[in-house]
Amino acid sequence: ALPLAKVQSIVVETLQSASLFNSIEESSKHPNFPEFLIASSKIAQRDMELTIDAPILISNCLKYSLEETLLSDSHVLEVLQESDALKSIITTLITDFEAGKFPTGKEEKFNEVWKGYVKSLGGAIGLKGKSLFHPLRLALTGRMSGPDVGDQIRLLWLSKGIVKDTIVMSLQERFERLKSFDVLEA
């Protein structure tokens, strides 16, 4: 694997050439830019095979492709067969988000907060392992695979003011979509 510093320069260059930044001058001055660069570089470093993969990997984390995934990913059927689990997770996520209990990525020690939240969520609805993680990933990221869900949520928060709004689907927008999502119709 490439050293993180090399990946960071690749990420800046490829995100800039893919026109993901508001403007590199504005984005690089944003207070969250250093942390955004580290977080996005770690995501790219983990899965990047070619340098041109970086903007795709990062933009996939910032987009929300639930409808596309439902139509195109054969693994989604496994999650939908457990529609009660998916429905319980979605309902609890929405309730927690509206009550301000859902970790949004801005928390000081986000990784610890996120892990505690997921453990608590699983305990509250009686799910663990892939019965918890697969529907949780689908609901929050709109995908069946990819980087750690917590890493993606943190990246979403850090991307505000750095990445073009037209590329990012915020948590608020994701939860609005989940409110209208009907598990039985999927």
Protein backbone atom coordinates (compact mmCIF):
# COMPACT_ATOMS: atom_id res chain seq x y z
CA ALA A 1 0.00 0.00 0.00
CA LEU A 2 1.11 3.53 -0.70
CA PRO A 3 2.11 5.69 2.27
CA LEU A 4 -0.71 7.93 3.50
CA ALA A 5 1.17 11.14 2.55
CA LYS A 6 1.41 9.96 -1.07
CA VAL A 7 -2.27 8.97 -1.07
CA GLN A 8 -3.16 12.44 0.26
CA SER A 9 -1.48 14.15 -2.66
CA ILE A 10 -3.24 11.75 -5.07
CA VAL A 11 -6.59 12.45 -3.39
CA VAL A 12 -6.19 16.23 -3.66
CA GLU A 13 -5.08 16.01 -7.29
CA THR A 14 -7.78 13.56 -8.38
CA LEU A 15 -10.63 15.21 -6.45
CA GLN A 16 -9.62 18.53 -7.95
CA SER A 17 -9.47 17.12 -11.50
CA ALA A 18 -12.82 15.37 -10.97
CA SER A 19 -14.29 18.74 -9.90
CA LEU A 20 -15.48 17.47 -6.51
CA PHE A 21 -14.16 20.44 -4.54
CA ASN A 22 -16.05 23.72 -4.31
CA SER A 23 -12.71 25.22 -5.33
CA ILE A 24 -9.35 23.98 -4.15
CA GLU A 25 -8.48 27.44 -2.85
CA GLU A 26 -11.68 27.68 -0.77
CA SER A 27 -11.69 24.04 0.27
CA SER A 28 -8.07 23.97 1.42
CA LYS A 29 -8.76 26.94 3.74
CA HIS A 30 -11.74 25.23 5.39
CA PRO A 31 -11.00 24.31 9.05
CA ASN A 32 -12.03 20.68 8.44
CA PHE A 33 -9.89 20.28 5.31
CA PRO A 34 -6.88 18.60 7.01
CA GLU A 35 -9.12 16.06 8.73
CA PHE A 36 -11.22 15.58 5.56
CA LEU A 37 -8.03 14.89 3.63
CA ILE A 38 -6.86 12.29 6.14
CA ALA A 39 -10.28 10.58 6.31
CA SER A 40 -10.76 10.50 2.54
CA SER A 41 -7.18 9.36 2.00
CA LYS A 42 -7.62 6.45 4.41
CA ILE A 43 -10.73 5.38 2.52
CA ALA A 44 -8.91 5.66 -0.81
CA GLN A 45 -5.78 3.94 0.54
CA ARG A 46 -7.78 0.94 1.69
CA ASP A 47 -9.52 0.23 -1.65
CA MET A 48 -7.66 2.13 -4.38
CA GLU A 49 -6.08 0.05 -7.13
CA LEU A 50 -5.43 2.92 -9.57
CA THR A 51 -5.08 6.62 -8.77
CA ILE A 52 -8.22 7.33 -10.80
CA ASP A 53 -10.16 5.20 -8.30
CA ALA A 54 -9.79 7.79 -5.51
CA PRO A 55 -12.55 10.22 -6.56
CA ILE A 56 -14.92 7.33 -7.29
CA LEU A 57 -14.33 5.70 -3.90
CA ILE A 58 -14.77 8.99 -2.07
CA SER A 59 -17.78 10.22 -4.02
CA ASN A 60 -19.48 6.83 -3.51
CA CYS A 61 -19.25 7.46 0.24
CA LEU A 62 -20.81 10.89 -0.13
CA LYS A 63 -23.64 9.86 -2.44
CA TYR A 64 -26.67 7.83 -1.43
CA SER A 65 -27.69 5.20 -3.96
CA LEU A 66 -30.36 3.26 -2.10
CA GLU A 67 -32.75 2.96 -5.04
CA GLU A 68 -29.93 2.00 -7.43
CA THR A 69 -28.65 -0.63 -4.99
CA LEU A 70 -32.12 -2.11 -4.58
CA LEU A 71 -32.33 -2.59 -8.34
CA SER A 72 -28.82 -3.77 -9.07
CA ASP A 73 -27.23 -5.57 -6.10
CA SER A 74 -28.16 -9.23 -5.79
CA HIS A 75 -27.04 -9.30 -2.14
CA VAL A 76 -29.77 -6.85 -1.19
CA LEU A 77 -32.30 -9.70 -1.35
CA GLU A 78 -30.70 -11.25 1.73
CA VAL A 79 -31.35 -8.04 3.68
CA LEU A 80 -34.86 -7.62 2.30
CA GLN A 81 -35.75 -11.19 3.31
CA GLU A 82 -35.15 -10.00 6.85
CA SER A 83 -37.58 -7.12 6.30
CA ASP A 84 -38.50 -6.98 10.01
CA ALA A 85 -34.85 -6.35 10.89
CA LEU A 86 -34.49 -3.67 8.22
CA LYS A 87 -37.74 -2.02 9.26
CA SER A 88 -36.73 -2.06 12.95
CA ILE A 89 -33.35 -0.56 12.14
CA ILE A 90 -34.80 2.16 9.92
CA THR A 91 -37.49 3.06 12.48
CA THR A 92 -34.96 3.22 15.32
CA LEU A 93 -32.45 5.20 13.25
CA ILE A 94 -35.09 7.79 12.34
CA THR A 95 -36.29 8.07 15.94
CA ASP A 96 -32.72 8.46 17.22
CA PHE A 97 -31.81 10.98 14.51
CA GLU A 98 -34.86 13.13 15.24
CA ALA A 99 -34.15 12.95 18.99
CA GLY A 100 -30.52 14.00 18.45
CA LYS A 101 -29.20 10.64 19.68
CA PHE A 102 -27.71 9.54 16.35
CA PRO A 103 -23.97 10.24 15.93
CA THR A 104 -23.64 12.67 13.02
CA GLY A 105 -19.86 12.68 12.59
CA LYS A 106 -19.19 15.93 14.43
CA GLU A 107 -18.63 14.29 17.81
CA GLU A 108 -15.21 14.75 19.45
CA LYS A 109 -14.35 11.04 19.73
CA PHE A 110 -16.59 9.94 16.90
CA ASN A 111 -15.25 6.38 16.46
CA GLU A 112 -15.93 5.56 20.11
CA VAL A 113 -19.34 7.25 20.01
CA TRP A 114 -20.23 5.40 16.80
CA LYS A 115 -19.20 1.97 18.14
CA GLY A 116 -21.18 2.58 21.33
CA TYR A 117 -24.21 3.65 19.32
CA VAL A 118 -24.13 0.56 17.08
CA LYS A 119 -23.76 -1.73 20.11
CA SER A 120 -26.67 0.01 21.83
CA LEU A 121 -28.78 -0.14 18.65
CA GLY A 122 -28.17 -3.87 18.29
CA GLY A 123 -29.08 -4.47 21.93
CA ALA A 124 -32.24 -2.38 21.68
CA ILE A 125 -33.61 -4.27 18.68
CA GLY A 126 -32.09 -7.67 19.45
CA LEU A 127 -29.76 -7.95 16.46
CA LYS A 128 -26.04 -8.56 16.09
CA GLY A 129 -23.50 -9.55 13.48
CA LYS A 130 -24.51 -9.39 9.84
CA SER A 131 -28.21 -9.30 10.82
CA LEU A 132 -27.45 -5.87 12.26
CA PHE A 133 -24.61 -4.60 10.07
CA HIS A 134 -25.99 -5.37 6.60
CA PRO A 135 -29.33 -3.56 7.02
CA LEU A 136 -27.58 -0.76 8.94
CA ARG A 137 -25.13 -0.29 6.05
CA LEU A 138 -27.92 -0.38 3.46
CA ALA A 139 -30.04 2.14 5.37
CA LEU A 140 -27.24 4.64 6.06
CA THR A 141 -25.03 4.36 2.97
CA GLY A 142 -27.45 3.06 0.35
CA ARG A 143 -24.94 0.34 -0.50
CA MET A 144 -24.26 -3.25 0.48
CA SER A 145 -20.49 -2.90 0.64
CA GLY A 146 -17.80 -0.30 1.02
CA PRO A 147 -15.75 1.36 3.73
CA ASP A 148 -16.77 1.24 7.38
CA VAL A 149 -20.15 2.93 7.85
CA GLY A 150 -18.79 5.09 10.68
CA ASP A 151 -15.92 6.27 8.47
CA GLN A 152 -18.44 7.26 5.81
CA ILE A 153 -20.61 9.20 8.26
CA ARG A 154 -17.55 11.02 9.57
CA LEU A 155 -16.51 11.84 5.98
CA LEU A 156 -19.99 13.23 5.30
CA TRP A 157 -19.66 15.63 8.22
CA LEU A 158 -16.15 16.68 7.25
CA SER A 159 -17.11 17.25 3.60
CA LYS A 160 -19.44 20.18 4.43
CA GLY A 161 -18.09 23.30 2.77
CA ILE A 162 -15.30 21.33 1.07
CA VAL A 163 -17.05 19.13 -1.49
CA LYS A 164 -19.73 20.44 -3.83
CA ASP A 165 -23.21 20.09 -2.31
CA THR A 166 -24.45 18.52 -5.55
CA ILE A 167 -22.22 15.49 -4.87
CA VAL A 168 -23.02 15.02 -1.18
CA MET A 169 -26.28 13.66 0.19
CA SER A 170 -26.34 14.82 3.80
CA LEU A 171 -27.52 12.70 6.70
CA GLN A 172 -30.63 14.90 6.91
CA GLU A 173 -31.46 14.12 3.27
CA ARG A 174 -30.75 10.41 3.78
CA PHE A 175 -33.11 10.29 6.74
CA GLU A 176 -35.79 12.09 4.72
CA ARG A 177 -35.49 9.34 2.11
CA LEU A 178 -35.63 6.65 4.77
CA LYS A 179 -38.85 8.13 6.17
CA SER A 180 -40.55 7.52 2.82
CA PHE A 181 -38.90 4.14 2.22
CA ASP A 182 -41.29 1.18 2.28
CA VAL A 183 -39.47 -2.06 3.02
CA LEU A 184 -42.38 -4.14 1.74
CA GLU A 185 -42.38 -2.39 -1.66
CA ALA A 186 -38.63 -2.91 -2.10
